[in-house]
Amino acid sequence: MTNHPTQFWHPLPDGRVQCEVCPRACRLREGQLGFCFVRGCRDGALVLEGYGRSSGFCVDPIEKKPLNHFLPGTPVLSFGTAGCNLACRFCQNWDMSKSRDQDTLAAAAGPQAIARRAAQLGCRSVAYTYNDPVTFLEYAVDTALACRELGIRNVAVTAGYVSPGAREAFFAPMDAANVDLKGFTEEFYRQVCGGHLAPVLETLRYLRHETTVWFELTTLLIPGYNDSEAEIDAMTAWVVGNLGVDVPMHFTAFHPDWKLRDAPPTPPATLQRAREIARRNGVRHAYTGNCHDAAGGSTWCHGCGALLIERDWYQLGHWGLDATGHCAACGSPCAGVFEARPGTWGARRLPVGFGRAAAAPD
């Protein structure tokens, strides 16, 4: 386990250090770990524990992040670490994000080794995912910079719960992001996620108005918690008013997990209703996820209604875009990052190992 120096913190008069990475602003005495359980006070400074170690590496389809408008059909090398700065009772990756056991980090690889492996595997991008990469900011940023040197793009899968200074540093080397907008009430964020809504909305406005990062939104709809028509209407209206009509929204199905096992699975009709509300409010690209819904998972032209990208789960079918990312039928542009032809990775999932050399400092 490596304790890596960090930038976003400051000493306090009483001898503690205060973390500046996320809105929690944890104040730590010597030997203490923050809420995320991976940033701690060591020798009077804030360090990132477990730098260079991961809970595992896997090549996924980019659509699994989910990103539907960023290099469709291409493979992405995905990895995460341990810990999280939120406390979502419904966490679907709780074995990693809620882990307080550094033994979870069984795979070791430095930033340059990850970039080289991604290139060897033919991956077009690397995704920082499984747990929130804000918690392992320095590891993610160093890896992203190494990837950029090899022409590999970077994807952040995050809840967007990050403070302004760290936000700028974190997103600077990113090319795309999927931001988990968990709900649209302060009560839901406070009682179910252990956080606050406002910082997430600030992150979204920052991404839209101050960066060139392509981003999409995901909301896991939980029956009885954040799936009311009023809340979905307010959320989607806010997205259109503050972020524009071209930010894709993914409404995905919940299944009982972690500490929220009393809620039932999300009915497909709830996802379809959310998609309809979003489209009614002006969202051009609204999707359903974690369910079999070919129409709700496919991309349609906002101009003429033609099928642009057919999806069956993570498998692509019909391709209706021209070489410049416009509808081949009517010429309307489709917002996103597209190439002349889609990738052919399909729905495969490929676990990836690293040799001993990868664990050595780069």
Protein backbone atom coordinates (compact mmCIF):
# COMPACT_ATOMS: atom_id res chain seq x y z
CA MET A 1 0.00 0.00 0.00
CA THR A 2 1.35 3.41 -1.01
CA ASN A 3 0.60 6.65 0.79
CA HIS A 4 0.70 9.28 -1.93
CA PRO A 5 1.01 13.04 -1.31
CA THR A 6 -2.10 15.10 -2.07
CA GLN A 7 -2.68 18.72 -2.99
CA PHE A 8 -6.14 19.66 -1.76
CA TRP A 9 -5.85 20.16 1.99
CA HIS A 10 -4.63 22.69 4.53
CA PRO A 11 -3.42 22.57 8.14
CA LEU A 12 -5.64 23.81 10.96
CA PRO A 13 -4.47 25.78 14.02
CA ASP A 14 -5.30 22.88 16.35
CA GLY A 15 -2.93 20.49 14.54
CA ARG A 16 -5.53 18.77 12.41
CA VAL A 17 -5.61 18.83 8.60
CA GLN A 18 -8.70 19.67 6.56
CA CYS A 19 -9.40 17.92 3.28
CA GLU A 20 -10.55 20.15 0.39
CA VAL A 21 -11.49 17.46 -2.14
CA CYS A 22 -15.21 17.24 -1.48
CA PRO A 23 -17.91 19.20 0.37
CA ARG A 24 -17.48 17.05 3.49
CA ALA A 25 -14.25 18.94 4.29
CA CYS A 26 -13.14 16.25 6.75
CA ARG A 27 -10.96 17.49 9.63
CA LEU A 28 -8.50 14.81 10.65
CA ARG A 29 -6.03 14.24 13.44
CA GLU A 30 -2.87 12.22 12.99
CA GLY A 31 -3.72 8.66 12.00
CA GLN A 32 -7.35 9.35 11.18
CA LEU A 33 -8.99 8.55 7.85
CA GLY A 34 -11.68 10.65 6.22
CA PHE A 35 -15.25 9.62 5.49
CA CYS A 36 -14.09 8.08 2.20
CA PHE A 37 -11.66 5.89 4.17
CA VAL A 38 -8.83 6.33 1.64
CA ARG A 39 -7.62 9.85 2.43
CA GLY A 40 -5.95 10.24 5.80
CA CYS A 41 -3.62 12.26 7.97
CA ARG A 42 -0.07 10.85 8.06
CA ASP A 43 2.89 12.76 9.52
CA GLY A 44 0.91 15.97 9.57
CA ALA A 45 -0.14 15.85 5.92
CA LEU A 46 -3.10 14.51 3.96
CA VAL A 47 -2.24 11.45 1.87
CA LEU A 48 -4.09 9.12 -0.48
CA GLU A 49 -3.79 5.56 0.72
CA GLY A 50 -3.61 2.74 -1.82
CA TYR A 51 -2.30 4.85 -4.72
CA GLY A 52 -1.46 2.47 -7.57
CA ARG A 53 -3.71 -0.32 -6.34
CA SER A 54 -7.10 -1.25 -7.73
CA SER A 55 -10.05 -3.49 -6.97
CA GLY A 56 -9.63 -4.89 -10.49
CA PHE A 57 -9.39 -4.08 -14.19
CA CYS A 58 -11.82 -5.02 -16.95
CA VAL A 59 -12.48 -4.10 -20.56
CA ASP A 60 -16.14 -3.10 -20.95
CA PRO A 61 -18.28 -1.68 -23.74
CA ILE A 62 -18.40 2.10 -23.42
CA GLU A 63 -22.21 1.84 -23.32
CA LYS A 64 -21.92 0.18 -19.90
CA LYS A 65 -20.67 3.37 -18.21
CA PRO A 66 -23.31 4.37 -19.52
CA LEU A 67 -22.22 6.61 -22.39
CA ASN A 68 -24.32 6.41 -25.54
CA HIS A 69 -22.89 9.41 -27.39
CA PHE A 70 -19.15 8.92 -26.83
CA LEU A 71 -17.30 6.65 -29.27
CA PRO A 72 -20.16 4.11 -29.53
CA GLY A 73 -19.20 0.46 -29.78
CA THR A 74 -15.64 0.94 -28.53
CA PRO A 75 -13.88 -0.89 -25.66
CA VAL A 76 -12.94 0.96 -22.47
CA LEU A 77 -10.47 -0.27 -19.84
CA SER A 78 -12.28 0.22 -16.51
CA PHE A 79 -11.00 0.22 -12.95
CA GLY A 80 -11.71 1.53 -9.49
CA THR A 81 -10.26 1.39 -5.99
CA ALA A 82 -12.06 1.41 -2.63
CA GLY A 83 -14.03 3.94 -0.65
CA CYS A 84 -16.59 6.62 -1.45
CA ASN A 85 -17.47 10.11 -0.25
CA LEU A 86 -21.21 9.45 -0.23
CA ALA A 87 -23.23 6.93 1.78
CA CYS A 88 -25.93 5.81 -0.63
CA ARG A 89 -28.11 3.18 1.02
CA PHE A 90 -28.85 1.68 -2.41
CA CYS A 91 -25.22 1.35 -3.59
CA GLN A 92 -24.95 -1.33 -6.29
CA ASN A 93 -21.15 -1.56 -6.01
CA TRP A 94 -21.04 -1.56 -2.21
CA ASP A 95 -18.44 -4.33 -2.00
CA MET A 96 -15.90 -1.88 -3.47
CA SER A 97 -17.20 1.61 -2.76
CA LYS A 98 -18.07 0.85 0.87
CA SER A 99 -15.01 -1.26 1.57
CA ARG A 100 -12.80 -0.23 4.45
CA ASP A 101 -10.42 -3.09 3.82
CA GLN A 102 -7.33 -2.21 1.81
CA ASP A 103 -7.04 -5.91 0.95
CA THR A 104 -9.85 -5.19 -1.50
CA LEU A 105 -7.16 -3.54 -3.62
CA ALA A 106 -5.67 -6.76 -4.93
CA ALA A 107 -4.55 -5.50 -8.35
CA ALA A 108 -1.58 -3.15 -8.64
CA ALA A 109 -0.62 -0.96 -11.58
CA GLY A 110 0.94 2.46 -11.98
CA PRO A 111 -0.44 5.14 -14.33
CA GLN A 112 1.95 4.46 -17.22
CA ALA A 113 1.37 0.72 -16.98
CA ILE A 114 -2.40 1.24 -17.22
CA ALA A 115 -2.03 3.48 -20.26
CA ARG A 116 0.26 0.97 -21.99
CA ARG A 117 -2.09 -1.92 -21.23
CA ALA A 118 -5.06 0.00 -22.58
CA ALA A 119 -3.15 0.64 -25.80
CA GLN A 120 -2.13 -3.01 -26.09
CA LEU A 121 -5.75 -4.10 -25.68
CA GLY A 122 -6.99 -1.66 -28.33
CA CYS A 123 -9.05 0.36 -25.86
CA ARG A 124 -10.03 3.81 -27.05
CA SER A 125 -10.47 5.08 -23.50
CA VAL A 126 -9.89 4.35 -19.82
CA ALA A 127 -12.74 4.72 -17.32
CA TYR A 128 -12.35 5.62 -13.66
CA THR A 129 -15.37 3.88 -12.21
CA TYR A 130 -16.83 1.20 -9.85
CA ASN A 131 -16.25 3.55 -6.92
CA ASP A 132 -16.19 7.34 -7.24
CA PRO A 133 -12.85 8.45 -8.73
CA VAL A 134 -13.06 11.74 -6.83
CA THR A 135 -11.84 9.74 -3.83
CA PHE A 136 -8.70 8.60 -5.71
CA LEU A 137 -8.27 11.89 -7.58
CA GLU A 138 -4.47 11.87 -7.77
CA TYR A 139 -4.30 8.30 -9.08
CA ALA A 140 -7.02 9.03 -11.64
CA VAL A 141 -5.47 12.28 -12.83
CA ASP A 142 -1.96 10.81 -13.15
CA THR A 143 -3.36 7.89 -15.11
CA ALA A 144 -5.41 10.19 -17.33
CA LEU A 145 -2.34 12.24 -18.17
CA ALA A 146 -0.39 9.08 -19.02
CA CYS A 147 -3.26 7.96 -21.25
CA ARG A 148 -3.36 11.25 -23.09
CA GLU A 149 0.29 10.85 -24.01
CA LEU A 150 -0.68 7.66 -25.87
CA GLY A 151 -3.78 9.14 -27.50
CA ILE A 152 -6.18 7.29 -25.20
CA ARG A 153 -9.16 9.22 -23.90
CA ASN A 154 -10.44 9.37 -20.34
CA VAL A 155 -13.87 8.80 -18.82
CA ALA A 156 -14.99 9.69 -15.29
CA VAL A 157 -17.97 7.88 -13.80
CA THR A 158 -18.80 10.00 -10.78
CA ALA A 159 -21.50 11.39 -8.53
CA GLY A 160 -20.01 14.85 -9.00
CA TYR A 161 -19.70 15.44 -5.25
CA VAL A 162 -16.50 17.47 -5.41
CA SER A 163 -15.30 20.90 -4.27
CA PRO A 164 -14.48 23.70 -6.75
CA GLY A 165 -10.66 23.57 -6.70
CA ALA A 166 -10.47 19.80 -6.84
CA ARG A 167 -13.25 19.78 -9.44
CA GLU A 168 -11.13 21.76 -11.89
CA ALA A 169 -8.09 19.53 -11.43
CA PHE A 170 -10.12 16.33 -11.64
CA PHE A 171 -11.96 17.13 -14.86
CA ALA A 172 -9.05 18.86 -16.64
CA PRO A 173 -7.67 15.63 -18.20
CA MET A 174 -11.09 14.01 -18.72
CA ASP A 175 -12.72 13.73 -22.12
CA ALA A 176 -16.10 12.38 -21.03
CA ALA A 177 -18.08 11.77 -17.87
CA ASN A 178 -21.22 10.11 -16.69
CA VAL A 179 -22.53 11.97 -13.66
CA ASP A 180 -24.90 10.17 -11.32
CA LEU A 181 -27.67 12.65 -10.54
CA LYS A 182 -29.16 10.54 -7.77
CA GLY A 183 -32.38 12.45 -7.30
CA PHE A 184 -33.66 15.98 -7.33
CA THR A 185 -34.50 16.83 -3.73
CA GLU A 186 -32.26 17.86 -0.87
CA GLU A 187 -34.17 15.44 1.36
CA PHE A 188 -33.27 12.46 -0.83
CA TYR A 189 -29.59 13.40 -0.95
CA ARG A 190 -29.42 14.02 2.79
CA GLN A 191 -31.42 11.03 4.04
CA VAL A 192 -30.60 8.37 1.43
CA CYS A 193 -27.18 9.42 0.09
CA GLY A 194 -25.61 11.19 3.06
CA GLY A 195 -24.82 14.31 1.06
CA HIS A 196 -26.33 17.42 -0.49
CA LEU A 197 -27.82 18.20 -3.88
CA ALA A 198 -26.41 21.70 -4.48
CA PRO A 199 -22.73 20.70 -4.98
CA VAL A 200 -23.77 18.17 -7.63
CA LEU A 201 -25.76 20.78 -9.53
CA GLU A 202 -22.75 23.11 -9.32
CA THR A 203 -20.58 20.37 -10.85
CA LEU A 204 -23.04 19.93 -13.71
CA ARG A 205 -23.16 23.64 -14.45
CA TYR A 206 -19.35 23.72 -14.34
CA LEU A 207 -19.07 20.86 -16.82
CA ARG A 208 -21.55 22.45 -19.20
CA HIS A 209 -20.35 26.03 -19.12
CA GLU A 210 -16.65 25.89 -18.25
CA THR A 211 -15.29 22.70 -19.88
CA THR A 212 -15.39 20.79 -23.14
CA VAL A 213 -15.98 17.47 -21.36
CA TRP A 214 -18.74 15.44 -23.02
CA PHE A 215 -21.08 14.28 -20.24
CA GLU A 216 -24.27 12.32 -19.76
CA LEU A 217 -26.49 11.89 -16.70
CA THR A 218 -27.76 8.78 -14.96
CA THR A 219 -30.54 8.53 -12.38
CA LEU A 220 -31.36 5.24 -10.68
CA LEU A 221 -35.11 5.39 -10.08
CA ILE A 222 -36.11 3.83 -6.75
CA PRO A 223 -39.83 3.15 -6.22
CA GLY A 224 -41.21 5.39 -3.52
CA TYR A 225 -38.02 7.40 -3.09
CA ASN A 226 -37.14 9.46 -6.18
CA ASP A 227 -39.48 8.25 -8.92
CA SER A 228 -42.46 10.59 -8.63
CA GLU A 229 -43.65 12.32 -11.78
CA ALA A 230 -43.25 15.69 -10.06
CA GLU A 231 -39.60 15.07 -9.19
CA ILE A 232 -38.73 13.72 -12.63
CA ASP A 233 -40.51 16.67 -14.22
CA ALA A 234 -38.57 19.15 -12.06
CA MET A 235 -35.26 17.38 -12.71
CA THR A 236 -35.61 17.20 -16.47
CA ALA A 237 -36.87 20.79 -16.69
CA TRP A 238 -33.80 21.91 -14.70
CA VAL A 239 -31.48 19.97 -17.02
CA VAL A 240 -32.94 21.61 -20.12
CA GLY A 241 -32.92 25.06 -18.53
CA ASN A 242 -29.38 24.88 -17.13
CA LEU A 243 -27.51 22.36 -19.28
CA GLY A 244 -29.40 22.42 -22.58
CA VAL A 245 -31.39 19.96 -24.63
CA ASP A 246 -28.46 17.85 -25.82
CA VAL A 247 -27.27 16.32 -22.51
CA PRO A 248 -28.39 12.67 -22.63
CA MET A 249 -30.27 11.36 -19.59
CA HIS A 250 -30.32 7.69 -18.56
CA PHE A 251 -33.10 6.42 -16.28
CA THR A 252 -32.04 3.07 -14.88
CA ALA A 253 -33.73 0.31 -12.91
CA PHE A 254 -33.05 -0.25 -9.21
CA HIS A 255 -32.74 -3.69 -7.64
CA PRO A 256 -32.72 -4.16 -3.85
CA ASP A 257 -29.16 -4.07 -2.51
CA TRP A 258 -26.85 -2.94 0.30
CA LYS A 259 -28.98 -1.16 2.93
CA LEU A 260 -32.07 -0.52 0.85
CA ARG A 261 -33.73 -3.90 0.49
CA ASP A 262 -37.24 -2.83 1.43
CA ALA A 263 -37.94 -1.10 -1.90
CA PRO A 264 -39.13 -3.23 -4.84
CA PRO A 265 -37.32 -3.40 -8.20
CA THR A 266 -38.15 -0.60 -10.60
CA PRO A 267 -40.96 -1.52 -13.02
CA PRO A 268 -40.09 -0.96 -16.69
CA ALA A 269 -43.15 1.29 -16.95
CA THR A 270 -41.55 3.73 -14.48
CA LEU A 271 -38.47 4.07 -16.67
CA GLN A 272 -40.57 4.53 -19.79
CA ARG A 273 -42.66 7.17 -18.05
CA ALA A 274 -39.52 9.04 -16.96
CA ARG A 275 -38.23 8.94 -20.52
CA GLU A 276 -41.51 10.37 -21.80
CA ILE A 277 -41.44 13.19 -19.24
CA ALA A 278 -37.87 14.06 -20.17
CA ARG A 279 -38.67 14.17 -23.86
CA ARG A 280 -41.78 16.23 -23.21
CA ASN A 281 -39.61 18.77 -21.37
CA GLY A 282 -37.23 19.01 -24.31
CA VAL A 283 -34.50 16.45 -23.56
CA ARG A 284 -33.52 15.21 -27.00
CA HIS A 285 -31.92 11.96 -25.88
CA ALA A 286 -33.51 10.14 -22.93
CA TYR A 287 -32.76 6.46 -22.30
CA THR A 288 -33.93 3.57 -20.18
CA GLY A 289 -31.35 1.23 -18.63
CA ASN A 290 -30.96 -2.00 -16.65
CA CYS A 291 -33.96 -3.35 -18.53
CA HIS A 292 -34.64 -4.79 -21.96
CA ASP A 293 -36.12 -1.92 -23.94
CA ALA A 294 -34.69 -1.64 -27.46
CA ALA A 295 -36.59 1.55 -28.26
CA GLY A 296 -35.64 3.21 -24.95
CA GLY A 297 -32.01 2.21 -25.35
CA SER A 298 -31.60 3.38 -28.93
CA THR A 299 -30.76 6.84 -30.25
CA TRP A 300 -33.31 8.64 -32.44
CA CYS A 301 -32.94 11.75 -34.58
CA HIS A 302 -34.45 14.83 -32.93
CA GLY A 303 -35.10 16.27 -36.37
CA CYS A 304 -36.94 13.58 -38.32
CA GLY A 305 -37.32 10.72 -35.83
CA ALA A 306 -35.09 8.32 -37.77
CA LEU A 307 -33.20 5.57 -35.94
CA LEU A 308 -29.60 6.73 -35.52
CA ILE A 309 -28.03 4.08 -33.27
CA GLU A 310 -29.81 0.83 -32.53
CA ARG A 311 -28.93 -0.77 -29.19
CA ASP A 312 -29.95 -4.08 -27.67
CA TRP A 313 -28.42 -3.89 -24.21
CA TYR A 314 -24.77 -3.18 -25.11
CA GLN A 315 -24.89 -4.56 -28.64
CA LEU A 316 -25.15 -2.08 -31.52
CA GLY A 317 -27.25 -2.71 -34.60
CA HIS A 318 -28.38 -0.22 -37.24
CA TRP A 319 -26.13 2.86 -37.66
CA GLY A 320 -27.88 5.89 -39.11
CA LEU A 321 -25.20 8.56 -38.70
CA ASP A 322 -23.03 9.86 -41.50
CA ALA A 323 -19.26 10.30 -41.17
CA THR A 324 -19.69 13.70 -39.50
CA GLY A 325 -22.19 12.63 -36.83
CA HIS A 326 -25.29 13.90 -38.63
CA CYS A 327 -28.49 12.03 -39.37
CA ALA A 328 -28.05 10.25 -42.69
CA ALA A 329 -31.74 10.79 -43.44
CA CYS A 330 -32.24 14.52 -42.78
CA GLY A 331 -28.82 15.93 -41.90
CA SER A 332 -29.67 17.03 -38.35
CA PRO A 333 -26.61 16.94 -36.04
CA CYS A 334 -26.51 14.44 -33.19
CA ALA A 335 -24.67 15.83 -30.18
CA GLY A 336 -21.77 13.71 -28.97
CA VAL A 337 -18.33 12.41 -29.89
CA PHE A 338 -18.63 10.16 -32.92
CA GLU A 339 -16.32 8.69 -35.51
CA ALA A 340 -17.10 7.77 -39.12
CA ARG A 341 -17.89 4.21 -38.10
CA PRO A 342 -18.93 2.66 -34.77
CA GLY A 343 -16.73 0.26 -32.86
CA THR A 344 -17.35 -3.46 -32.92
CA TRP A 345 -16.57 -4.44 -29.33
CA GLY A 346 -20.13 -5.52 -28.59
CA ALA A 347 -21.26 -6.67 -25.15
CA ARG A 348 -18.08 -8.49 -24.16
CA ARG A 349 -16.54 -8.16 -20.69
CA LEU A 350 -12.85 -9.00 -20.46
CA PRO A 351 -11.09 -9.17 -17.05
CA VAL A 352 -7.54 -7.85 -17.30
CA GLY A 353 -4.50 -8.78 -15.24
CA PHE A 354 -1.20 -6.97 -14.76
CA GLY A 355 2.20 -8.52 -14.28
CA ARG A 356 4.52 -7.74 -11.39
CA ALA A 357 6.28 -5.01 -13.32
CA ALA A 358 3.06 -3.02 -13.46
CA ALA A 359 3.09 -2.58 -9.69
CA ALA A 360 6.44 -0.82 -9.72
CA PRO A 361 6.44 2.99 -9.53
CA ASP A 362 6.39 4.54 -13.00
